[in-house]
Amino acid sequence: MSLQDRIINHFSDSIQAQQDTMGNLCELIEYASQRLVSSLLNDRKIFTCGNGRSSASAQLLSSALLNQYERDRPSLPVIALSSDAVTLTGIANDHHFDEIFAKQLRALGQSGDILVVYCDSHNAANLGKAIAVAHDKDISVLALTGHNGGMVSPLLHELDIEIRVPSSSRAHIQEIHILITHCLCDLIDQQLFG
């Protein structure tokens, strides 16, 4: 296979994964945006977290809502639990890496907040601990996953939301998580600011 054929395959596979997601998950993405808006209208916060490249997606959501997505508007209360290197390494060093998000959520989270979890793989014990803390504090969970949902999916409660990208490719899951994040930001702006 030539290098150009590999490029064409990457684009074709990504387009197919996006079409599958669009066809299966539009209503769920809309519903997730409505739940996020409801939380914000009730003076609650959104927390985001993820590992590795999924951390970048979590920070993208936080930045777009805290600052702006495509237009200037008031800031929204969103906290990326994965963006403070001093806190993350301190918790990992003094306690355990599995606690890096949970410990922050215990201190900052309140009933009615929403935790948005990005997970593109199967192993994420620190996300599992954060989900457990969210449930203990009556914080809803919105999980963006892929493939079979990994270890995150079985931890979710009935009122939580899972947006599971129908792909087994981590790269395509990450690409679509970013696209879904852009959809959520646009829908939140539309509902709150017209």
C-alpha atoms as a PDB file:
ATOM      1  CA  MET A   1       0.000   0.000   0.000  1.00  0.00           C
ATOM      2  CA  SER A   2       1.361   3.395  -0.967  1.00  0.00           C
ATOM      3  CA  LEU A   3       1.650   6.264   1.484  1.00  0.00           C
ATOM      4  CA  GLN A   4      -1.117   8.124  -0.350  1.00  0.00           C
ATOM      5  CA  ASP A   5      -3.361   5.061  -0.058  1.00  0.00           C
ATOM      6  CA  ARG A   6      -2.731   5.096   3.688  1.00  0.00           C
ATOM      7  CA  ILE A   7      -3.755   8.761   3.796  1.00  0.00           C
ATOM      8  CA  ILE A   8      -6.925   8.027   1.841  1.00  0.00           C
ATOM      9  CA  ASN A   9      -7.720   5.155   4.239  1.00  0.00           C
ATOM     10  CA  HIS A  10      -7.297   7.454   7.264  1.00  0.00           C
ATOM     11  CA  PHE A  11      -9.705   9.993   5.800  1.00  0.00           C
ATOM     12  CA  SER A  12     -12.206   7.361   4.624  1.00  0.00           C
ATOM     13  CA  ASP A  13     -12.224   5.549   7.979  1.00  0.00           C
ATOM     14  CA  SER A  14     -12.609   8.832   9.862  1.00  0.00           C
ATOM     15  CA  ILE A  15     -15.479   9.951   7.632  1.00  0.00           C
ATOM     16  CA  GLN A  16     -17.224   6.602   8.100  1.00  0.00           C
ATOM     17  CA  ALA A  17     -16.832   6.792  11.887  1.00  0.00           C
ATOM     18  CA  GLN A  18     -18.219  10.341  11.856  1.00  0.00           C
ATOM     19  CA  GLN A  19     -21.210   9.308   9.743  1.00  0.00           C
ATOM     20  CA  ASP A  20     -21.916   6.353  12.045  1.00  0.00           C
ATOM     21  CA  THR A  21     -21.750   8.652  15.064  1.00  0.00           C
ATOM     22  CA  MET A  22     -23.971  11.274  13.439  1.00  0.00           C
ATOM     23  CA  GLY A  23     -26.532   8.676  12.444  1.00  0.00           C
ATOM     24  CA  ASN A  24     -26.691   7.014  15.856  1.00  0.00           C
ATOM     25  CA  LEU A  25     -25.972   9.723  18.425  1.00  0.00           C
ATOM     26  CA  CYS A  26     -27.497  13.069  17.332  1.00  0.00           C
ATOM     27  CA  GLU A  27     -30.387  12.872  19.808  1.00  0.00           C
ATOM     28  CA  LEU A  28     -28.084  11.845  22.633  1.00  0.00           C
ATOM     29  CA  ILE A  29     -25.679  14.724  21.938  1.00  0.00           C
ATOM     30  CA  GLU A  30     -28.640  17.123  21.922  1.00  0.00           C
ATOM     31  CA  TYR A  31     -29.886  15.692  25.231  1.00  0.00           C
ATOM     32  CA  ALA A  32     -26.405  15.951  26.763  1.00  0.00           C
ATOM     33  CA  SER A  33     -26.237  19.627  25.769  1.00  0.00           C
ATOM     34  CA  GLN A  34     -29.620  20.231  27.409  1.00  0.00           C
ATOM     35  CA  ARG A  35     -28.455  18.594  30.638  1.00  0.00           C
ATOM     36  CA  LEU A  36     -25.301  20.723  30.654  1.00  0.00           C
ATOM     37  CA  VAL A  37     -27.364  23.877  30.071  1.00  0.00           C
ATOM     38  CA  SER A  38     -29.778  22.928  32.848  1.00  0.00           C
ATOM     39  CA  SER A  39     -26.893  22.541  35.270  1.00  0.00           C
ATOM     40  CA  LEU A  40     -25.437  25.904  34.269  1.00  0.00           C
ATOM     41  CA  LEU A  41     -28.827  27.632  34.579  1.00  0.00           C
ATOM     42  CA  ASN A  42     -29.053  26.256  38.121  1.00  0.00           C
ATOM     43  CA  ASP A  43     -25.748  27.949  39.039  1.00  0.00           C
ATOM     44  CA  ARG A  44     -23.795  24.693  38.974  1.00  0.00           C
ATOM     45  CA  LYS A  45     -20.411  23.866  37.465  1.00  0.00           C
ATOM     46  CA  ILE A  46     -19.085  21.517  34.848  1.00  0.00           C
ATOM     47  CA  PHE A  47     -15.927  19.528  35.596  1.00  0.00           C
ATOM     48  CA  THR A  48     -13.922  17.800  32.872  1.00  0.00           C
ATOM     49  CA  CYS A  49     -11.236  15.122  32.959  1.00  0.00           C
ATOM     50  CA  GLY A  50      -9.417  12.633  30.773  1.00  0.00           C
ATOM     51  CA  ASN A  51      -6.027  10.963  30.386  1.00  0.00           C
ATOM     52  CA  GLY A  52      -3.368  11.611  27.772  1.00  0.00           C
ATOM     53  CA  ARG A  53      -4.852  12.926  24.543  1.00  0.00           C
ATOM     54  CA  SER A  54      -8.324  12.678  26.096  1.00  0.00           C
ATOM     55  CA  SER A  55      -7.107  15.236  28.615  1.00  0.00           C
ATOM     56  CA  ALA A  56      -6.669  17.624  25.708  1.00  0.00           C
ATOM     57  CA  SER A  57     -10.321  17.089  24.731  1.00  0.00           C
ATOM     58  CA  ALA A  58     -11.382  17.746  28.320  1.00  0.00           C
ATOM     59  CA  GLN A  59      -9.362  20.952  28.365  1.00  0.00           C
ATOM     60  CA  LEU A  60     -10.813  21.962  24.989  1.00  0.00           C
ATOM     61  CA  LEU A  61     -14.340  21.824  26.436  1.00  0.00           C
ATOM     62  CA  SER A  62     -13.260  23.774  29.491  1.00  0.00           C
ATOM     63  CA  SER A  63     -11.471  26.447  27.477  1.00  0.00           C
ATOM     64  CA  ALA A  64     -14.282  26.870  24.949  1.00  0.00           C
ATOM     65  CA  LEU A  65     -16.913  27.301  27.664  1.00  0.00           C
ATOM     66  CA  LEU A  66     -14.849  29.305  30.140  1.00  0.00           C
ATOM     67  CA  ASN A  67     -13.491  31.644  27.464  1.00  0.00           C
ATOM     68  CA  GLN A  68     -15.461  31.385  24.227  1.00  0.00           C
ATOM     69  CA  TYR A  69     -16.286  28.929  21.491  1.00  0.00           C
ATOM     70  CA  GLU A  70     -16.912  30.967  18.337  1.00  0.00           C
ATOM     71  CA  ARG A  71     -18.294  34.215  19.673  1.00  0.00           C
ATOM     72  CA  ASP A  72     -17.725  36.536  22.586  1.00  0.00           C
ATOM     73  CA  ARG A  73     -20.159  35.880  25.427  1.00  0.00           C
ATOM     74  CA  PRO A  74     -20.089  35.613  29.245  1.00  0.00           C
ATOM     75  CA  SER A  75     -17.798  32.983  30.722  1.00  0.00           C
ATOM     76  CA  LEU A  76     -19.301  29.745  31.970  1.00  0.00           C
ATOM     77  CA  PRO A  77     -18.153  27.905  35.134  1.00  0.00           C
ATOM     78  CA  VAL A  78     -16.089  24.962  33.880  1.00  0.00           C
ATOM     79  CA  ILE A  79     -13.074  23.408  35.585  1.00  0.00           C
ATOM     80  CA  ALA A  80     -10.626  21.067  33.843  1.00  0.00           C
ATOM     81  CA  LEU A  81      -9.385  18.697  36.543  1.00  0.00           C
ATOM     82  CA  SER A  82      -6.457  17.666  34.348  1.00  0.00           C
ATOM     83  CA  SER A  83      -4.890  21.074  33.730  1.00  0.00           C
ATOM     84  CA  ASP A  84      -3.040  21.824  36.998  1.00  0.00           C
ATOM     85  CA  ALA A  85       0.266  19.929  36.804  1.00  0.00           C
ATOM     86  CA  VAL A  86       1.303  20.909  40.347  1.00  0.00           C
ATOM     87  CA  THR A  87      -1.926  19.549  41.850  1.00  0.00           C
ATOM     88  CA  LEU A  88      -1.920  16.415  39.675  1.00  0.00           C
ATOM     89  CA  THR A  89       1.666  15.468  40.474  1.00  0.00           C
ATOM     90  CA  GLY A  90       1.232  16.358  44.136  1.00  0.00           C
ATOM     91  CA  ILE A  91      -1.803  14.097  44.526  1.00  0.00           C
ATOM     92  CA  ALA A  92      -0.117  11.311  42.541  1.00  0.00           C
ATOM     93  CA  ASN A  93       3.024  11.587  44.683  1.00  0.00           C
ATOM     94  CA  ASP A  94       1.376  11.958  48.103  1.00  0.00           C
ATOM     95  CA  HIS A  95      -1.534   9.573  47.572  1.00  0.00           C
ATOM     96  CA  HIS A  96      -1.963   7.602  44.355  1.00  0.00           C
ATOM     97  CA  PHE A  97      -2.355   8.383  40.648  1.00  0.00           C
ATOM     98  CA  ASP A  98      -5.880   6.918  40.788  1.00  0.00           C
ATOM     99  CA  GLU A  99      -6.866   9.844  43.047  1.00  0.00           C
ATOM    100  CA  ILE A 100      -5.792  12.744  40.800  1.00  0.00           C
ATOM    101  CA  PHE A 101      -9.332  13.637  39.712  1.00  0.00           C
ATOM    102  CA  ALA A 102     -11.333  12.197  42.608  1.00  0.00           C
ATOM    103  CA  LYS A 103      -9.544  14.229  45.284  1.00  0.00           C
ATOM    104  CA  GLN A 104     -10.176  17.481  43.405  1.00  0.00           C
ATOM    105  CA  LEU A 105     -13.829  16.599  42.793  1.00  0.00           C
ATOM    106  CA  ARG A 106     -14.321  15.780  46.495  1.00  0.00           C
ATOM    107  CA  ALA A 107     -13.141  19.296  47.371  1.00  0.00           C
ATOM    108  CA  LEU A 108     -14.790  21.299  44.584  1.00  0.00           C
ATOM    109  CA  GLY A 109     -17.873  19.389  43.456  1.00  0.00           C
ATOM    110  CA  GLN A 110     -21.427  20.035  44.623  1.00  0.00           C
ATOM    111  CA  SER A 111     -24.752  18.337  44.101  1.00  0.00           C
ATOM    112  CA  GLY A 112     -26.128  19.311  40.706  1.00  0.00           C
ATOM    113  CA  ASP A 113     -22.742  19.762  39.041  1.00  0.00           C
ATOM    114  CA  ILE A 114     -21.818  17.636  36.016  1.00  0.00           C
ATOM    115  CA  LEU A 115     -18.607  15.683  35.461  1.00  0.00           C
ATOM    116  CA  VAL A 116     -17.654  15.224  31.798  1.00  0.00           C
ATOM    117  CA  VAL A 117     -15.310  12.260  31.410  1.00  0.00           C
ATOM    118  CA  TYR A 118     -13.357  11.569  28.218  1.00  0.00           C
ATOM    119  CA  CYS A 119     -12.122   8.000  27.819  1.00  0.00           C
ATOM    120  CA  ASP A 120     -10.759   6.517  24.596  1.00  0.00           C
ATOM    121  CA  SER A 121      -9.267   3.368  26.124  1.00  0.00           C
ATOM    122  CA  HIS A 122     -10.136   0.518  28.460  1.00  0.00           C
ATOM    123  CA  ASN A 123      -7.926   1.210  31.484  1.00  0.00           C
ATOM    124  CA  ALA A 124      -8.602   4.359  33.455  1.00  0.00           C
ATOM    125  CA  ALA A 125      -8.835   3.671  37.176  1.00  0.00           C
ATOM    126  CA  ASN A 126      -8.519   7.386  37.960  1.00  0.00           C
ATOM    127  CA  LEU A 127     -11.636   8.077  35.876  1.00  0.00           C
ATOM    128  CA  GLY A 128     -13.448   5.298  37.711  1.00  0.00           C
ATOM    129  CA  LYS A 129     -12.604   6.878  41.067  1.00  0.00           C
ATOM    130  CA  ALA A 130     -13.791  10.276  39.830  1.00  0.00           C
ATOM    131  CA  ILE A 131     -17.091   8.734  38.698  1.00  0.00           C
ATOM    132  CA  ALA A 132     -17.517   7.100  42.132  1.00  0.00           C
ATOM    133  CA  VAL A 133     -16.964  10.452  43.867  1.00  0.00           C
ATOM    134  CA  ALA A 134     -19.417  12.116  41.476  1.00  0.00           C
ATOM    135  CA  HIS A 135     -22.084   9.583  42.394  1.00  0.00           C
ATOM    136  CA  ASP A 136     -21.358  10.027  46.121  1.00  0.00           C
ATOM    137  CA  LYS A 137     -21.838  13.796  45.767  1.00  0.00           C
ATOM    138  CA  ASP A 138     -24.948  13.644  43.526  1.00  0.00           C
ATOM    139  CA  ILE A 139     -22.981  14.907  40.518  1.00  0.00           C
ATOM    140  CA  SER A 140     -24.189  13.669  37.128  1.00  0.00           C
ATOM    141  CA  VAL A 141     -21.713  12.088  34.729  1.00  0.00           C
ATOM    142  CA  LEU A 142     -21.480  12.617  30.988  1.00  0.00           C
ATOM    143  CA  ALA A 143     -19.024  10.063  29.607  1.00  0.00           C
ATOM    144  CA  LEU A 144     -17.594  10.282  26.105  1.00  0.00           C
ATOM    145  CA  THR A 145     -16.286   6.811  25.326  1.00  0.00           C
ATOM    146  CA  GLY A 146     -15.736   4.574  22.339  1.00  0.00           C
ATOM    147  CA  HIS A 147     -15.755   0.979  21.144  1.00  0.00           C
ATOM    148  CA  ASN A 148     -17.368  -1.039  23.983  1.00  0.00           C
ATOM    149  CA  GLY A 149     -17.293   1.704  26.619  1.00  0.00           C
ATOM    150  CA  GLY A 150     -14.264   0.265  28.398  1.00  0.00           C
ATOM    151  CA  MET A 151     -14.268   0.213  32.169  1.00  0.00           C
ATOM    152  CA  VAL A 152     -16.239   3.493  32.325  1.00  0.00           C
ATOM    153  CA  SER A 153     -19.517   2.236  30.877  1.00  0.00           C
ATOM    154  CA  PRO A 154     -20.388  -0.282  33.643  1.00  0.00           C
ATOM    155  CA  LEU A 155     -19.783   2.388  36.311  1.00  0.00           C
ATOM    156  CA  LEU A 156     -22.460   4.740  35.007  1.00  0.00           C
ATOM    157  CA  HIS A 157     -25.827   5.110  36.710  1.00  0.00           C
ATOM    158  CA  GLU A 158     -29.192   5.272  35.015  1.00  0.00           C
ATOM    159  CA  LEU A 159     -29.321   9.084  34.997  1.00  0.00           C
ATOM    160  CA  ASP A 160     -25.777   9.422  33.642  1.00  0.00           C
ATOM    161  CA  ILE A 161     -25.208   9.838  29.910  1.00  0.00           C
ATOM    162  CA  GLU A 162     -22.776   7.859  27.791  1.00  0.00           C
ATOM    163  CA  ILE A 163     -21.940   9.050  24.294  1.00  0.00           C
ATOM    164  CA  ARG A 164     -20.133   6.009  22.901  1.00  0.00           C
ATOM    165  CA  VAL A 165     -18.390   6.536  19.569  1.00  0.00           C
ATOM    166  CA  PRO A 166     -18.974   3.468  17.362  1.00  0.00           C
ATOM    167  CA  SER A 167     -15.317   2.841  16.529  1.00  0.00           C
ATOM    168  CA  SER A 168     -12.495   0.697  17.877  1.00  0.00           C
ATOM    169  CA  SER A 169      -9.778   3.066  16.614  1.00  0.00           C
ATOM    170  CA  ARG A 170      -8.484   5.281  19.421  1.00  0.00           C
ATOM    171  CA  ALA A 171      -7.468   7.914  16.871  1.00  0.00           C
ATOM    172  CA  HIS A 172     -10.963   8.091  15.385  1.00  0.00           C
ATOM    173  CA  ILE A 173     -12.575   8.041  18.830  1.00  0.00           C
ATOM    174  CA  GLN A 174     -10.432  11.031  19.800  1.00  0.00           C
ATOM    175  CA  GLU A 175     -11.259  12.862  16.552  1.00  0.00           C
ATOM    176  CA  ILE A 176     -14.966  12.350  17.103  1.00  0.00           C
ATOM    177  CA  HIS A 177     -14.748  13.314  20.782  1.00  0.00           C
ATOM    178  CA  ILE A 178     -13.417  16.670  19.593  1.00  0.00           C
ATOM    179  CA  LEU A 179     -16.226  16.991  17.045  1.00  0.00           C
ATOM    180  CA  ILE A 180     -18.817  16.115  19.715  1.00  0.00           C
ATOM    181  CA  THR A 181     -17.190  18.675  22.016  1.00  0.00           C
ATOM    182  CA  HIS A 182     -17.584  21.313  19.316  1.00  0.00           C
ATOM    183  CA  CYS A 183     -21.247  20.305  18.900  1.00  0.00           C
ATOM    184  CA  LEU A 184     -21.823  20.591  22.657  1.00  0.00           C
ATOM    185  CA  CYS A 185     -20.195  24.024  22.780  1.00  0.00           C
ATOM    186  CA  ASP A 186     -22.295  25.262  19.860  1.00  0.00           C
ATOM    187  CA  LEU A 187     -25.512  23.861  21.319  1.00  0.00           C
ATOM    188  CA  ILE A 188     -24.796  25.332  24.750  1.00  0.00           C
ATOM    189  CA  ASP A 189     -24.106  28.761  23.232  1.00  0.00           C
ATOM    190  CA  GLN A 190     -27.274  28.539  21.147  1.00  0.00           C
ATOM    191  CA  GLN A 191     -29.473  27.581  24.105  1.00  0.00           C
ATOM    192  CA  LEU A 192     -28.012  30.116  26.517  1.00  0.00           C
ATOM    193  CA  PHE A 193     -27.302  33.056  24.253  1.00  0.00           C
ATOM    194  CA  GLY A 194     -29.444  32.577  21.123  1.00  0.00           C
END
